[in-house]
């Protein structure tokens, strides 16, 4: 993600870990990874397809229960969209994205779009849960901004972290009641439906399929003489 979208949240993230500088953060991240503990936070938005959203949520819950190392996070179900934040071992990132891609191919999701995939030092969510938001209107108000998409994305990610920290102050048994009323009690902790629609229209964000194509494609190796222009002319017919 571009630096101009993250500049406002780095100090908060660093201080929350008890660190004093970016150098401390880098050292902590290196030590964490050297122990084999590479944790990823994935944030995805999508438009709901033909399947009931609660059935989608149950599919995720069943699938994540089988992942070694555990999955934490939150699936927010809007009338037309979903916003999914998932914390999981890095080795499980590709399988989870392939699962989402399969859902898109079946028409259960439309245009699943990645807001962020980032290595993190700790989980913000205690467990994995989902909630169908009780919004009074399905109308999507157009989200207008002059900020670059990177900055809007960063703000949305910060909102997710703040929501996770709010939930962390309560018992899991209270989550359903808190999330059921979150649009009234703490609306600033939710991305609007208009913002999600904005992300889905943004050409700078990867669809899940594009991310997989780029990261799973075999590496192409070129000889040095193929990396210059114009191509060198052979003086002798060695072949």
Protein backbone atom coordinates (compact mmCIF):
# COMPACT_ATOMS: atom_id res chain seq x y z
CA UNK A 1 0.00 0.00 0.00
CA UNK A 2 1.26 3.47 -0.81
CA UNK A 3 3.00 5.38 1.95
CA UNK A 4 0.66 8.37 1.72
CA UNK A 5 -2.22 6.16 2.80
CA UNK A 6 -0.40 4.76 5.83
CA UNK A 7 1.40 7.76 7.24
CA UNK A 8 -1.37 8.56 9.71
CA UNK A 9 -1.72 5.06 11.12
CA UNK A 10 1.90 3.95 11.50
CA UNK A 11 2.48 5.91 14.74
CA UNK A 12 -0.67 4.41 16.25
CA UNK A 13 0.28 0.90 15.17
CA UNK A 14 3.81 1.25 16.53
CA UNK A 15 2.76 2.69 19.88
CA UNK A 16 0.12 -0.01 20.32
CA UNK A 17 2.91 -2.60 20.22
CA UNK A 18 4.97 -0.79 22.82
CA UNK A 19 7.61 0.22 20.28
CA UNK A 20 9.18 3.63 19.82
CA UNK A 21 10.26 3.75 16.17
CA UNK A 22 10.01 2.16 12.74
CA UNK A 23 13.40 0.54 13.39
CA UNK A 24 12.04 -1.16 16.52
CA UNK A 25 9.04 -2.31 14.52
CA UNK A 26 11.26 -3.76 11.78
CA UNK A 27 13.40 -5.62 14.34
CA UNK A 28 10.34 -7.00 16.10
CA UNK A 29 8.88 -8.14 12.77
CA UNK A 30 12.16 -9.81 11.78
CA UNK A 31 12.41 -11.69 15.08
CA UNK A 32 8.77 -12.71 14.84
CA UNK A 33 9.23 -14.10 11.32
CA UNK A 34 12.48 -15.90 12.25
CA UNK A 35 10.50 -17.99 14.74
CA UNK A 36 8.27 -19.20 11.90
CA UNK A 37 5.34 -17.12 13.15
CA UNK A 38 4.27 -15.30 10.00
CA UNK A 39 0.77 -13.96 10.44
CA UNK A 40 -1.21 -12.20 7.72
CA UNK A 41 -4.20 -9.90 7.93
CA UNK A 42 -6.37 -10.01 4.80
CA UNK A 43 -9.10 -7.49 4.07
CA UNK A 44 -11.57 -8.17 1.23
CA UNK A 45 -14.79 -6.58 0.02
CA UNK A 46 -17.26 -8.06 -2.45
CA UNK A 47 -20.80 -7.79 -3.72
CA UNK A 48 -23.10 -10.57 -2.60
CA UNK A 49 -24.24 -12.91 -5.38
CA UNK A 50 -27.16 -15.27 -5.57
CA UNK A 51 -26.44 -17.21 -2.39
CA UNK A 52 -27.81 -16.21 1.00
CA UNK A 53 -25.09 -14.30 2.83
CA UNK A 54 -25.54 -16.25 6.06
CA UNK A 55 -24.90 -19.46 4.13
CA UNK A 56 -21.68 -17.89 2.86
CA UNK A 57 -20.71 -17.08 6.43
CA UNK A 58 -21.32 -20.65 7.51
CA UNK A 59 -19.16 -21.87 4.61
CA UNK A 60 -16.29 -19.68 5.79
CA UNK A 61 -16.70 -20.75 9.40
CA UNK A 62 -16.61 -24.45 8.48
CA UNK A 63 -13.63 -23.98 6.17
CA UNK A 64 -11.62 -21.92 8.68
CA UNK A 65 -12.20 -24.46 11.45
CA UNK A 66 -9.90 -26.85 9.56
CA UNK A 67 -6.97 -24.43 9.28
CA UNK A 68 -4.00 -25.25 11.48
CA UNK A 69 -2.84 -22.24 13.44
CA UNK A 70 -6.35 -20.85 13.64
CA UNK A 71 -8.24 -18.04 11.95
CA UNK A 72 -9.55 -14.92 13.64
CA UNK A 73 -11.41 -12.00 12.14
CA UNK A 74 -14.81 -10.64 11.29
CA UNK A 75 -17.24 -10.91 8.40
CA UNK A 76 -19.65 -7.99 8.16
CA UNK A 77 -22.68 -8.67 5.98
CA UNK A 78 -24.39 -5.63 4.46
CA UNK A 79 -27.62 -5.79 2.44
CA UNK A 80 -25.62 -5.87 -0.81
CA UNK A 81 -21.97 -6.34 0.18
CA UNK A 82 -19.58 -8.05 2.54
CA UNK A 83 -16.46 -6.74 4.26
CA UNK A 84 -14.19 -9.54 5.41
CA UNK A 85 -11.15 -9.13 7.68
CA UNK A 86 -9.23 -12.35 8.28
CA UNK A 87 -6.10 -13.03 10.37
CA UNK A 88 -4.42 -16.31 9.50
CA UNK A 89 -1.05 -18.06 9.02
CA UNK A 90 0.66 -16.86 5.85
CA UNK A 91 0.77 -20.43 4.50
CA UNK A 92 -3.04 -20.41 4.36
CA UNK A 93 -3.44 -17.14 2.48
CA UNK A 94 -3.44 -18.63 -1.03
CA UNK A 95 -5.89 -21.46 -0.18
CA UNK A 96 -8.34 -18.98 1.36
CA UNK A 97 -8.12 -16.72 -1.69
CA UNK A 98 -8.68 -19.70 -3.98
CA UNK A 99 -11.76 -20.54 -1.91
CA UNK A 100 -13.07 -17.01 -2.52
CA UNK A 101 -12.23 -17.26 -6.20
CA UNK A 102 -14.27 -20.46 -6.42
CA UNK A 103 -17.20 -18.69 -4.75
CA UNK A 104 -16.96 -15.93 -7.35
CA UNK A 105 -16.95 -18.47 -10.19
CA UNK A 106 -20.13 -20.02 -8.75
CA UNK A 107 -21.77 -16.61 -8.60
CA UNK A 108 -21.91 -16.53 -4.80
CA UNK A 109 -19.72 -13.41 -4.73
CA UNK A 110 -19.17 -10.73 -7.34
CA UNK A 111 -15.84 -8.99 -7.86
CA UNK A 112 -14.12 -9.94 -4.58
CA UNK A 113 -11.51 -7.21 -4.18
CA UNK A 114 -8.48 -7.13 -1.90
CA UNK A 115 -8.01 -4.01 0.19
CA UNK A 116 -4.89 -5.29 1.93
CA UNK A 117 -2.71 -8.29 2.66
CA UNK A 118 -0.11 -7.45 5.27
CA UNK A 119 2.16 -9.25 7.71
CA UNK A 120 1.24 -8.43 11.29
CA UNK A 121 2.86 -9.09 14.66
CA UNK A 122 -0.28 -9.93 16.60
CA UNK A 123 -3.94 -10.71 16.16
CA UNK A 124 -6.43 -7.94 16.87
CA UNK A 125 -9.47 -10.23 16.88
CA UNK A 126 -9.99 -12.82 19.63
CA UNK A 127 -11.88 -15.23 17.39
CA UNK A 128 -13.61 -15.52 14.03
CA UNK A 129 -17.20 -14.27 13.91
CA UNK A 130 -19.75 -12.82 11.52
CA UNK A 131 -22.71 -10.50 11.72
CA UNK A 132 -25.54 -9.52 9.39
CA UNK A 133 -25.96 -5.80 9.86
CA UNK A 134 -29.48 -4.56 10.50
CA UNK A 135 -29.35 -1.55 8.21
CA UNK A 136 -32.68 0.16 7.65
CA UNK A 137 -31.96 0.97 4.01
CA UNK A 138 -30.43 -0.94 1.15
CA UNK A 139 -29.86 2.29 -0.75
CA UNK A 140 -26.20 2.91 -1.55
CA UNK A 141 -25.22 6.56 -1.24
CA UNK A 142 -22.36 7.41 -3.58
CA UNK A 143 -19.07 7.83 -1.76
CA UNK A 144 -17.23 10.92 -2.97
CA UNK A 145 -13.65 11.80 -2.11
CA UNK A 146 -10.69 13.68 -3.53
CA UNK A 147 -8.23 11.44 -1.67
CA UNK A 148 -6.31 8.70 -3.50
CA UNK A 149 -7.70 5.18 -3.12
CA UNK A 150 -4.65 4.18 -1.05
CA UNK A 151 -5.56 6.69 1.63
CA UNK A 152 -9.23 5.71 1.70
CA UNK A 153 -8.20 2.07 1.97
CA UNK A 154 -5.86 2.86 4.87
CA UNK A 155 -8.66 4.67 6.69
CA UNK A 156 -10.93 1.67 6.21
CA UNK A 157 -8.26 -0.65 7.60
CA UNK A 158 -7.82 1.56 10.66
CA UNK A 159 -11.58 1.43 11.20
CA UNK A 160 -11.42 -2.38 11.19
CA UNK A 161 -8.67 -2.36 13.81
CA UNK A 162 -10.64 0.03 16.02
CA UNK A 163 -13.69 -2.22 15.75
CA UNK A 164 -11.56 -5.23 16.72
CA UNK A 165 -10.27 -3.38 19.77
CA UNK A 166 -13.78 -2.42 20.79
CA UNK A 167 -14.82 -6.07 20.62
CA UNK A 168 -11.71 -7.08 22.58
CA UNK A 169 -13.06 -5.20 25.60
CA UNK A 170 -16.12 -7.47 25.72
CA UNK A 171 -16.80 -11.16 26.10
CA UNK A 172 -17.42 -13.14 22.87
CA UNK A 173 -20.92 -13.90 24.13
CA UNK A 174 -21.67 -10.17 23.82
CA UNK A 175 -20.47 -9.81 20.22
CA UNK A 176 -23.84 -10.46 18.60
CA UNK A 177 -25.54 -7.69 20.56
CA UNK A 178 -22.68 -5.23 20.04
CA UNK A 179 -22.40 -5.84 16.30
CA UNK A 180 -26.17 -5.90 15.89
CA UNK A 181 -26.35 -2.32 17.08
CA UNK A 182 -22.95 -1.06 15.89
CA UNK A 183 -24.46 0.99 13.05
CA UNK A 184 -26.30 3.02 15.69
CA UNK A 185 -23.84 3.06 18.60
CA UNK A 186 -20.56 3.40 16.68
CA UNK A 187 -21.32 4.09 12.99
CA UNK A 188 -17.81 5.51 12.54
CA UNK A 189 -16.46 1.96 12.95
CA UNK A 190 -18.22 0.72 9.82
CA UNK A 191 -17.29 1.30 6.21
CA UNK A 192 -20.37 2.61 4.43
CA UNK A 193 -21.96 0.68 1.59
CA UNK A 194 -21.02 3.59 -0.65
CA UNK A 195 -17.37 3.21 0.35
CA UNK A 196 -17.44 -0.51 -0.44
CA UNK A 197 -19.00 0.21 -3.83
CA UNK A 198 -16.21 2.78 -4.38
CA UNK A 199 -13.58 0.12 -3.68
CA UNK A 200 -15.21 -2.28 -6.12
CA UNK A 201 -15.10 0.38 -8.84
CA UNK A 202 -11.49 1.38 -8.13
CA UNK A 203 -9.14 0.18 -10.83
CA UNK A 204 -6.09 0.33 -8.54
CA UNK A 205 -7.14 -2.54 -6.29
CA UNK A 206 -6.61 -6.20 -7.11
CA UNK A 207 -9.45 -8.60 -7.64
CA UNK A 208 -8.78 -11.89 -5.86
CA UNK A 209 -8.30 -13.59 -9.25
CA UNK A 210 -5.72 -10.99 -10.31
CA UNK A 211 -3.77 -11.40 -7.09
CA UNK A 212 -3.69 -15.18 -7.51
CA UNK A 213 -2.70 -14.96 -11.19
CA UNK A 214 0.22 -12.70 -10.35
CA UNK A 215 1.45 -14.64 -7.33
CA UNK A 216 0.94 -18.16 -8.62
CA UNK A 217 2.28 -17.66 -12.16
CA UNK A 218 5.59 -19.44 -12.81
CA UNK A 219 8.65 -17.22 -12.83
CA UNK A 220 10.01 -16.39 -16.27
CA UNK A 221 13.80 -16.38 -16.48
CA UNK A 222 15.51 -14.44 -19.27
CA UNK A 223 19.09 -14.54 -20.44
CA UNK A 224 21.08 -11.33 -19.95
CA UNK A 225 21.23 -10.66 -23.68
CA UNK A 226 17.41 -10.62 -23.77
CA UNK A 227 17.26 -7.77 -21.26
CA UNK A 228 18.84 -5.14 -23.51
CA UNK A 229 17.45 -3.17 -26.42
CA UNK A 230 18.09 -3.36 -29.27
CA UNK A 231 18.93 -7.09 -29.12
CA UNK A 232 22.66 -7.73 -29.71
CA UNK A 233 23.57 -8.91 -33.22
CA UNK A 234 25.51 -12.14 -33.45
CA UNK A 235 28.67 -11.84 -35.53
CA UNK A 236 29.15 -15.55 -36.02
CA UNK A 237 26.64 -18.37 -36.66
CA UNK A 238 27.43 -20.42 -33.55
CA UNK A 239 24.21 -22.44 -33.85
